[in-house]
Amino acid sequence: MTDLPAPLEGIRVLDIATFIAAPFAAAALGEFGAEVIKIEKPGVGDSLRGLGTPSPAGDSYNWLNEARNKKCVTLDLRHPKGAELFKRMVAESDVVVENFRPGTLEKWGLGYDVLSKVNEGLILLRVSGYGQTGPKRSLPGFARIAHAFCGLTYLTGQPDTPPLMPGSTTLADYLTGIYGAYGILLALRVKERTGQGQVIDIGLYEPMFRFLDELAPVYAATGHVRERMGADTYNSVPHSHYPTSDGQWVAIACTNDKMFARLAETIGRPELAADDAFGKKPARMAAREEVNRIVSDWTSSLTRDQVVEACAEGEVPCGPIYSIADIMSDAHYAARGDLLTVDDPRAGAVTVPAPMPFLSATPGKLEHLGAAMGEHTVDVFRQWLGIKEEELERLKTEGVV
């Protein structure tokens, strides 16, 4: 540890978005030193406060986790006085993140054309279902819709089942948030050199689409449409999930001939790796069901821990398929510091994922969990804009804050 400043110390971010995607981008910046101000409509707040399991604080655990490190203020951007106060805050900021439908900020008189006149170096992250352009730009979008539209849902499930949800978490929201933070960092670099701000435009489906390996180039070149394969992988065998004798599961990944030879040795059948058996990848691909059955028969004869231990000794890529209960009791998670327990003044002890990635000299910090609505309104407006408490009271009476 050193006394170096946090990587984003001095960067100010205004988060006027809702739910997860754009707010997650702001939270990621806040974990590494940016000052993030969460702006919510008075008396309404971010819908994420009520999405998920309620905590003793009244807000959901989703909110406590995802609104970490943010100062919470209330301000009605739709009110003329609220819009003016927001522009004054923009003048003191580096970044604004939003995820309204395209045209909404413009309708409120707060489009980038207006805000950039207030602050020419402003960086505006705009997240929407389909992006700011294109024939679908005005349609609403959520993570489930993004998973469907990008092609991921089509690939999720068994060959004989309907398309399934790719996990019960909102992958597109989180991945879009990371791409949003990445875009902001790139734009900040440009601003450092030129003083010029810019707009970052992300459709919720686009980061997920970018992650679908060779799907697009293969179709463009050959017309091949990849179909659902359950737990299997289209380009390797054995590369799937296998049951164990104690009712658990493991994941095994053999992506080349050398790895398969190690697996054959580990299961006590080295002859399987011979050239006239399954030693070469094309032979394994042609006999996918048989190879998977052989591996499954072996894993089913042992407990999960025994399979994992045997594969570790044989240098075969293998891991247990964990539930959250397994994760919370795993020694590796503990040793890495992947989970932090925070004593929240409203909710008590709350365990959350640690800030990532781990930087050796300037690691991320978790100062506090998601705050109460408007908890920092007085402090922020007083410190940023010099507004006195009497004026804040008048604004509160008028419903501006």
Protein backbone atom coordinates (compact mmCIF):
# COMPACT_ATOMS: atom_id res chain seq x y z
CA MET A 1 0.00 0.00 0.00
CA THR A 2 1.16 3.54 -0.78
CA ASP A 3 -0.08 7.07 -0.21
CA LEU A 4 -0.89 7.53 -3.89
CA PRO A 5 -4.18 9.31 -4.64
CA ALA A 6 -7.08 7.22 -5.87
CA PRO A 7 -7.02 6.81 -9.68
CA LEU A 8 -10.11 8.97 -10.21
CA GLU A 9 -9.69 11.42 -7.35
CA GLY A 10 -11.01 14.83 -8.41
CA ILE A 11 -13.42 13.44 -11.00
CA ARG A 12 -17.05 14.41 -10.41
CA VAL A 13 -19.90 12.28 -11.74
CA LEU A 14 -23.62 13.10 -11.78
CA ASP A 15 -25.75 9.93 -11.89
CA ILE A 16 -29.28 10.77 -13.04
CA ALA A 17 -29.99 7.24 -14.30
CA THR A 18 -32.17 4.48 -12.82
CA PHE A 19 -31.97 0.73 -12.24
CA ILE A 20 -28.56 -0.84 -12.96
CA ALA A 21 -26.69 -0.33 -16.25
CA ALA A 22 -25.68 3.36 -16.29
CA PRO A 23 -25.68 3.60 -12.46
CA PHE A 24 -23.30 0.62 -12.35
CA ALA A 25 -20.87 2.56 -14.54
CA ALA A 26 -20.99 5.42 -12.04
CA ALA A 27 -20.55 3.03 -9.11
CA ALA A 28 -17.50 1.45 -10.75
CA LEU A 29 -15.92 4.90 -11.02
CA GLY A 30 -16.88 5.73 -7.45
CA GLU A 31 -15.03 2.69 -6.13
CA PHE A 32 -11.79 4.16 -7.45
CA GLY A 33 -12.07 7.69 -6.14
CA ALA A 34 -14.59 9.57 -8.29
CA GLU A 35 -17.12 11.67 -6.38
CA VAL A 36 -20.50 10.34 -7.52
CA ILE A 37 -23.70 12.29 -6.85
CA LYS A 38 -26.86 10.24 -7.27
CA ILE A 39 -29.75 12.49 -8.28
CA GLU A 40 -33.29 11.18 -7.71
CA LYS A 41 -36.73 12.67 -8.19
CA PRO A 42 -38.07 13.92 -4.82
CA GLY A 43 -40.52 11.53 -3.18
CA VAL A 44 -40.02 8.94 -5.91
CA GLY A 45 -36.38 7.88 -6.03
CA ASP A 46 -34.67 5.28 -8.15
CA SER A 47 -36.86 2.23 -8.79
CA LEU A 48 -33.89 0.06 -7.80
CA ARG A 49 -34.64 0.94 -4.18
CA GLY A 50 -37.67 -1.34 -4.40
CA LEU A 51 -36.35 -3.98 -6.80
CA GLY A 52 -35.34 -7.20 -5.09
CA THR A 53 -35.24 -8.38 -1.50
CA PRO A 54 -36.07 -5.68 1.08
CA SER A 55 -33.40 -4.97 3.70
CA PRO A 56 -33.91 -3.68 7.25
CA ALA A 57 -33.13 -0.23 5.82
CA GLY A 58 -36.35 -0.31 3.80
CA ASP A 59 -34.41 -0.19 0.53
CA SER A 60 -33.60 -3.40 -1.30
CA TYR A 61 -30.28 -5.20 -0.96
CA ASN A 62 -29.91 -4.43 -4.66
CA TRP A 63 -29.86 -0.74 -3.80
CA LEU A 64 -27.45 -1.13 -0.89
CA ASN A 65 -25.03 -3.02 -3.14
CA GLU A 66 -25.30 -1.08 -6.39
CA ALA A 67 -25.55 2.48 -5.02
CA ARG A 68 -22.36 2.06 -2.99
CA ASN A 69 -20.19 5.12 -2.39
CA LYS A 70 -22.74 7.51 -3.93
CA LYS A 71 -23.96 10.71 -2.29
CA CYS A 72 -27.73 10.80 -2.65
CA VAL A 73 -29.55 14.05 -3.39
CA THR A 74 -33.05 14.78 -4.61
CA LEU A 75 -33.75 17.14 -7.50
CA ASP A 76 -36.63 17.30 -9.97
CA LEU A 77 -35.04 17.79 -13.38
CA ARG A 78 -38.48 18.31 -14.91
CA HIS A 79 -39.05 21.44 -12.81
CA PRO A 80 -37.54 24.60 -14.37
CA LYS A 81 -35.75 25.48 -11.13
CA GLY A 82 -34.52 21.91 -10.86
CA ALA A 83 -33.16 22.02 -14.40
CA GLU A 84 -31.33 25.25 -13.63
CA LEU A 85 -29.78 23.81 -10.49
CA PHE A 86 -28.75 20.74 -12.45
CA LYS A 87 -26.99 22.89 -15.04
CA ARG A 88 -25.11 24.63 -12.24
CA MET A 89 -23.99 21.21 -11.02
CA VAL A 90 -23.00 20.21 -14.56
CA ALA A 91 -20.72 23.24 -14.68
CA GLU A 92 -18.84 21.73 -11.71
CA SER A 93 -18.77 18.15 -13.03
CA ASP A 94 -16.85 15.96 -15.45
CA VAL A 95 -19.39 13.27 -16.25
CA VAL A 96 -23.16 12.76 -16.41
CA VAL A 97 -24.68 9.29 -16.78
CA GLU A 98 -28.28 8.78 -17.91
CA ASN A 99 -30.46 6.00 -19.28
CA PHE A 100 -33.74 7.62 -20.28
CA ARG A 101 -35.36 6.92 -23.62
CA PRO A 102 -33.68 8.90 -26.41
CA GLY A 103 -35.09 12.42 -26.60
CA THR A 104 -36.08 12.64 -22.93
CA LEU A 105 -33.27 14.93 -21.83
CA GLU A 106 -33.89 17.08 -24.90
CA LYS A 107 -37.57 17.33 -23.94
CA TRP A 108 -36.52 18.66 -20.54
CA GLY A 109 -34.19 21.19 -22.15
CA LEU A 110 -31.15 19.26 -20.92
CA GLY A 111 -29.77 17.74 -24.11
CA TYR A 112 -26.03 17.60 -24.74
CA ASP A 113 -26.29 20.70 -26.94
CA VAL A 114 -27.43 22.62 -23.87
CA LEU A 115 -25.21 20.96 -21.28
CA SER A 116 -22.04 21.26 -23.38
CA LYS A 117 -22.55 25.03 -23.53
CA VAL A 118 -22.51 25.02 -19.74
CA ASN A 119 -19.41 22.77 -19.70
CA GLU A 120 -17.62 22.10 -22.98
CA GLY A 121 -15.58 19.35 -21.34
CA LEU A 122 -18.64 17.41 -20.18
CA ILE A 123 -18.75 13.68 -20.87
CA LEU A 124 -22.28 12.31 -21.20
CA LEU A 125 -22.87 8.55 -20.99
CA ARG A 126 -26.19 7.66 -22.64
CA VAL A 127 -27.47 4.13 -22.13
CA SER A 128 -30.76 3.05 -23.72
CA GLY A 129 -32.36 -0.12 -24.98
CA TYR A 130 -31.27 0.29 -28.60
CA GLY A 131 -29.01 3.36 -28.63
CA GLN A 132 -29.63 6.94 -29.67
CA THR A 133 -30.01 6.15 -33.40
CA GLY A 134 -31.67 3.52 -35.58
CA PRO A 135 -35.27 2.50 -36.22
CA LYS A 136 -35.72 0.97 -32.74
CA ARG A 137 -34.25 3.91 -30.83
CA SER A 138 -37.54 4.90 -29.21
CA LEU A 139 -38.45 1.42 -27.95
CA PRO A 140 -38.10 0.57 -24.24
CA GLY A 141 -35.45 -1.95 -23.30
CA PHE A 142 -34.43 -4.02 -20.31
CA ALA A 143 -31.73 -6.66 -19.85
CA ARG A 144 -34.05 -9.53 -20.77
CA ILE A 145 -34.88 -7.79 -24.04
CA ALA A 146 -31.20 -7.10 -24.70
CA HIS A 147 -30.33 -10.78 -24.13
CA ALA A 148 -32.98 -11.72 -26.67
CA PHE A 149 -32.08 -9.10 -29.26
CA CYS A 150 -28.31 -9.71 -29.16
CA GLY A 151 -28.60 -13.45 -29.85
CA LEU A 152 -27.60 -14.78 -26.44
CA THR A 153 -31.03 -16.04 -25.42
CA TYR A 154 -31.31 -18.01 -28.67
CA LEU A 155 -28.22 -19.98 -27.62
CA THR A 156 -29.38 -20.65 -24.05
CA GLY A 157 -31.06 -23.95 -23.24
CA GLN A 158 -31.06 -27.56 -24.36
CA PRO A 159 -31.48 -28.42 -28.05
CA ASP A 160 -35.05 -29.53 -27.44
CA THR A 161 -36.15 -26.71 -25.10
CA PRO A 162 -37.39 -23.20 -25.79
CA PRO A 163 -34.82 -20.41 -25.45
CA LEU A 164 -34.07 -19.84 -21.76
CA MET A 165 -32.95 -16.89 -19.65
CA PRO A 166 -29.12 -16.81 -19.57
CA GLY A 167 -28.90 -16.85 -15.78
CA SER A 168 -31.26 -15.13 -13.38
CA THR A 169 -29.11 -11.99 -13.16
CA THR A 170 -29.25 -9.06 -15.54
CA LEU A 171 -26.01 -9.69 -17.40
CA ALA A 172 -26.61 -7.01 -20.02
CA ASP A 173 -27.01 -4.32 -17.36
CA TYR A 174 -23.72 -5.10 -15.67
CA LEU A 175 -21.74 -5.59 -18.87
CA THR A 176 -23.14 -2.35 -20.28
CA GLY A 177 -22.15 -0.63 -17.06
CA ILE A 178 -18.58 -1.84 -17.44
CA TYR A 179 -18.47 -0.72 -21.09
CA GLY A 180 -19.93 2.61 -19.96
CA ALA A 181 -17.18 3.07 -17.39
CA TYR A 182 -14.61 2.07 -20.01
CA GLY A 183 -16.02 4.64 -22.42
CA ILE A 184 -15.90 7.32 -19.74
CA LEU A 185 -12.25 6.58 -19.00
CA LEU A 186 -11.42 6.84 -22.71
CA ALA A 187 -13.30 10.14 -22.95
CA LEU A 188 -11.54 11.46 -19.85
CA ARG A 189 -8.22 10.72 -21.50
CA VAL A 190 -9.26 12.79 -24.53
CA LYS A 191 -10.48 15.57 -22.25
CA GLU A 192 -7.11 15.62 -20.46
CA ARG A 193 -5.35 16.26 -23.77
CA THR A 194 -7.84 18.57 -25.49
CA GLY A 195 -10.38 19.85 -22.95
CA GLN A 196 -13.12 18.51 -25.22
CA GLY A 197 -16.02 16.46 -23.88
CA GLN A 198 -18.18 14.04 -25.85
CA VAL A 199 -21.18 11.70 -25.82
CA ILE A 200 -20.91 7.95 -25.21
CA ASP A 201 -23.84 6.12 -26.81
CA ILE A 202 -24.49 2.48 -25.82
CA GLY A 203 -27.46 0.28 -26.67
CA LEU A 204 -28.08 -2.26 -23.92
CA TYR A 205 -27.77 -5.18 -26.35
CA GLU A 206 -24.46 -4.10 -27.89
CA PRO A 207 -21.93 -5.16 -25.21
CA MET A 208 -23.56 -8.61 -25.06
CA PHE A 209 -23.43 -8.92 -28.84
CA ARG A 210 -19.73 -8.03 -28.77
CA PHE A 211 -19.12 -10.99 -26.44
CA LEU A 212 -20.55 -13.68 -28.74
CA ASP A 213 -17.13 -14.85 -30.00
CA GLU A 214 -17.11 -15.88 -33.69
CA LEU A 215 -20.88 -15.97 -34.14
CA ALA A 216 -21.07 -13.03 -36.56
CA PRO A 217 -18.04 -13.71 -38.78
CA VAL A 218 -18.90 -17.41 -39.13
CA TYR A 219 -22.47 -16.66 -40.19
CA ALA A 220 -21.32 -13.95 -42.59
CA ALA A 221 -18.79 -16.33 -44.15
CA THR A 222 -20.74 -19.60 -44.18
CA GLY A 223 -24.40 -18.95 -43.31
CA HIS A 224 -24.12 -21.29 -40.31
CA VAL A 225 -26.57 -20.59 -37.48
CA ARG A 226 -25.32 -21.90 -34.15
CA GLU A 227 -28.07 -23.62 -32.17
CA ARG A 228 -28.65 -24.35 -28.49
CA MET A 229 -26.34 -26.97 -27.04
CA GLY A 230 -27.23 -27.01 -23.37
CA ALA A 231 -24.08 -27.16 -21.23
CA ASP A 232 -21.84 -28.14 -24.14
CA THR A 233 -19.51 -25.91 -26.13
CA TYR A 234 -19.70 -25.91 -29.93
CA ASN A 235 -15.95 -26.15 -30.58
CA SER A 236 -14.63 -28.54 -27.90
CA VAL A 237 -15.38 -31.97 -26.35
CA PRO A 238 -15.44 -32.77 -23.45
CA HIS A 239 -16.33 -29.26 -22.41
CA SER A 240 -19.49 -29.43 -20.34
CA HIS A 241 -21.08 -30.03 -16.92
CA TYR A 242 -21.00 -33.45 -15.34
CA PRO A 243 -22.84 -34.97 -12.36
CA THR A 244 -21.13 -36.41 -9.29
CA SER A 245 -22.13 -39.16 -6.87
CA ASP A 246 -23.22 -36.73 -4.13
CA GLY A 247 -25.80 -34.98 -6.28
CA GLN A 248 -23.47 -32.11 -7.21
CA TRP A 249 -21.98 -30.99 -10.51
CA VAL A 250 -18.58 -30.08 -11.92
CA ALA A 251 -17.45 -28.19 -14.99
CA ILE A 252 -14.69 -29.75 -17.08
CA ALA A 253 -13.04 -27.98 -20.01
CA CYS A 254 -10.71 -29.80 -22.41
CA THR A 255 -10.04 -27.45 -25.29
CA ASN A 256 -7.18 -29.33 -26.94
CA ASP A 257 -5.69 -32.80 -27.37
CA LYS A 258 -3.12 -32.36 -24.59
CA MET A 259 -5.81 -31.56 -22.04
CA PHE A 260 -7.88 -34.53 -23.13
CA ALA A 261 -4.86 -36.81 -22.77
CA ARG A 262 -4.46 -35.59 -19.19
CA LEU A 263 -8.14 -36.29 -18.52
CA ALA A 264 -7.88 -39.79 -20.01
CA GLU A 265 -4.93 -40.49 -17.72
CA THR A 266 -6.80 -39.06 -14.72
CA ILE A 267 -9.84 -41.27 -15.20
CA GLY A 268 -7.61 -44.33 -15.61
CA ARG A 269 -8.23 -44.84 -19.32
CA PRO A 270 -5.15 -43.51 -21.14
CA GLU A 271 -6.08 -45.55 -24.21
CA LEU A 272 -8.86 -43.04 -24.93
CA ALA A 273 -6.20 -40.53 -25.98
CA ALA A 274 -4.74 -42.78 -28.68
CA ASP A 275 -4.85 -41.51 -32.25
CA ASP A 276 -7.20 -44.32 -33.28
CA ALA A 277 -9.58 -43.51 -30.40
CA PHE A 278 -10.40 -39.96 -29.24
CA GLY A 279 -6.92 -38.48 -29.13
CA LYS A 280 -7.61 -36.05 -31.94
CA LYS A 281 -10.18 -33.32 -31.65
CA PRO A 282 -12.15 -34.19 -34.83
CA ALA A 283 -12.76 -37.70 -33.47
CA ARG A 284 -14.07 -36.32 -30.19
CA MET A 285 -16.29 -33.83 -31.97
CA ALA A 286 -17.76 -36.62 -34.11
CA ALA A 287 -18.46 -38.73 -31.02
CA ARG A 288 -19.64 -35.97 -28.68
CA GLU A 289 -22.33 -38.04 -26.92
CA GLU A 290 -20.04 -41.01 -26.35
CA VAL A 291 -17.17 -38.90 -25.01
CA ASN A 292 -19.50 -37.00 -22.68
CA ARG A 293 -20.99 -40.31 -21.47
CA ILE A 294 -17.54 -41.70 -20.64
CA VAL A 295 -16.64 -38.59 -18.65
CA SER A 296 -20.04 -38.53 -16.97
CA ASP A 297 -19.73 -42.18 -15.92
CA TRP A 298 -16.42 -41.37 -14.26
CA THR A 299 -17.57 -38.23 -12.46
CA SER A 300 -20.73 -40.04 -11.30
CA SER A 301 -18.58 -42.58 -9.47
CA LEU A 302 -16.98 -39.92 -7.26
CA THR A 303 -18.05 -37.02 -5.07
CA ARG A 304 -17.67 -33.48 -6.33
CA ASP A 305 -14.64 -32.84 -4.14
CA GLN A 306 -13.01 -36.08 -5.26
CA VAL A 307 -13.46 -35.18 -8.93
CA VAL A 308 -12.06 -31.69 -8.40
CA GLU A 309 -9.08 -33.07 -6.46
CA ALA A 310 -8.33 -35.76 -9.03
CA CYS A 311 -8.48 -33.26 -11.88
CA ALA A 312 -6.23 -30.84 -9.99
CA GLU A 313 -3.64 -33.59 -9.55
CA GLY A 314 -3.91 -34.45 -13.25
CA GLU A 315 -3.76 -30.79 -14.34
CA VAL A 316 -7.18 -31.02 -15.94
CA PRO A 317 -9.27 -27.80 -15.96
CA CYS A 318 -12.16 -28.56 -13.62
CA GLY A 319 -14.19 -26.63 -11.10
CA PRO A 320 -17.17 -27.18 -8.82
CA ILE A 321 -20.49 -25.69 -9.90
CA TYR A 322 -21.20 -23.47 -6.94
CA SER A 323 -24.34 -22.05 -5.43
CA ILE A 324 -24.06 -18.79 -3.51
CA ALA A 325 -23.99 -20.85 -0.32
CA ASP A 326 -20.88 -22.63 -1.60
CA ILE A 327 -19.27 -19.33 -2.55
CA MET A 328 -19.83 -17.79 0.86
CA SER A 329 -18.02 -20.66 2.57
CA ASP A 330 -15.20 -21.11 0.06
CA ALA A 331 -11.66 -20.53 1.35
CA HIS A 332 -10.43 -19.10 -1.96
CA TYR A 333 -13.06 -16.35 -2.02
CA ALA A 334 -12.06 -15.52 1.54
CA ALA A 335 -8.34 -15.49 0.80
CA ARG A 336 -8.83 -13.21 -2.21
CA GLY A 337 -11.02 -10.78 -0.28
CA ASP A 338 -13.79 -11.10 -2.85
CA LEU A 339 -16.48 -10.45 -0.24
CA LEU A 340 -16.71 -7.57 2.21
CA THR A 341 -19.02 -7.21 5.18
CA VAL A 342 -20.04 -3.61 5.80
CA ASP A 343 -21.71 -2.34 8.97
CA ASP A 344 -24.44 -0.19 7.46
CA PRO A 345 -26.12 2.28 9.84
CA ARG A 346 -29.54 1.51 8.40
CA ALA A 347 -29.34 -2.19 7.52
CA GLY A 348 -26.73 -3.59 9.90
CA ALA A 349 -24.09 -6.01 8.66
CA VAL A 350 -24.36 -6.51 4.89
CA THR A 351 -22.01 -8.69 2.82
CA VAL A 352 -21.31 -7.54 -0.73
CA PRO A 353 -18.80 -8.21 -3.54
CA ALA A 354 -15.57 -6.27 -3.13
CA PRO A 355 -14.50 -3.50 -5.53
CA MET A 356 -12.68 -4.95 -8.55
CA PRO A 357 -10.19 -5.17 -10.16
CA PHE A 358 -7.54 -5.39 -7.46
CA LEU A 359 -4.94 -2.67 -7.98
CA SER A 360 -1.73 -3.17 -6.00
CA ALA A 361 -0.98 0.51 -5.33
CA THR A 362 -4.39 2.22 -5.56
CA PRO A 363 -7.08 -0.36 -4.77
CA GLY A 364 -10.76 0.44 -4.88
CA LYS A 365 -12.55 1.30 -1.67
CA LEU A 366 -16.02 0.71 -0.32
CA GLU A 367 -16.83 3.78 1.77
CA HIS A 368 -20.51 3.03 2.36
CA LEU A 369 -23.51 1.22 0.90
CA GLY A 370 -26.48 2.78 -0.86
CA ALA A 371 -27.66 5.78 1.14
CA ALA A 372 -31.14 6.96 2.08
CA MET A 373 -32.99 9.08 -0.47
CA GLY A 374 -31.85 12.69 -0.17
CA GLU A 375 -29.38 11.90 2.60
CA HIS A 376 -26.72 14.21 1.17
CA THR A 377 -28.94 16.90 -0.42
CA VAL A 378 -28.10 19.66 2.05
CA ASP A 379 -24.38 18.95 2.13
CA VAL A 380 -23.96 18.68 -1.64
CA PHE A 381 -25.93 21.78 -2.57
CA ARG A 382 -24.25 23.79 0.16
CA GLN A 383 -20.74 22.67 -0.77
CA TRP A 384 -21.11 22.62 -4.54
CA LEU A 385 -23.36 25.61 -5.15
CA GLY A 386 -23.25 27.59 -1.91
CA ILE A 387 -27.00 27.33 -1.43
CA LYS A 388 -28.08 28.28 2.07
CA GLU A 389 -30.39 26.13 4.15
CA GLU A 390 -33.24 28.67 3.99
CA GLU A 391 -33.24 28.52 0.20
CA LEU A 392 -33.15 24.74 0.29
CA GLU A 393 -36.22 24.80 2.51
CA ARG A 394 -38.03 26.95 -0.05
CA LEU A 395 -36.99 24.61 -2.85
CA LYS A 396 -38.22 21.68 -0.80
CA THR A 397 -41.59 23.38 -0.31
CA GLU A 398 -41.85 23.90 -4.08
CA GLY A 399 -41.02 20.21 -4.73
CA VAL A 400 -37.75 21.03 -6.50
CA VAL A 401 -35.65 19.03 -4.03
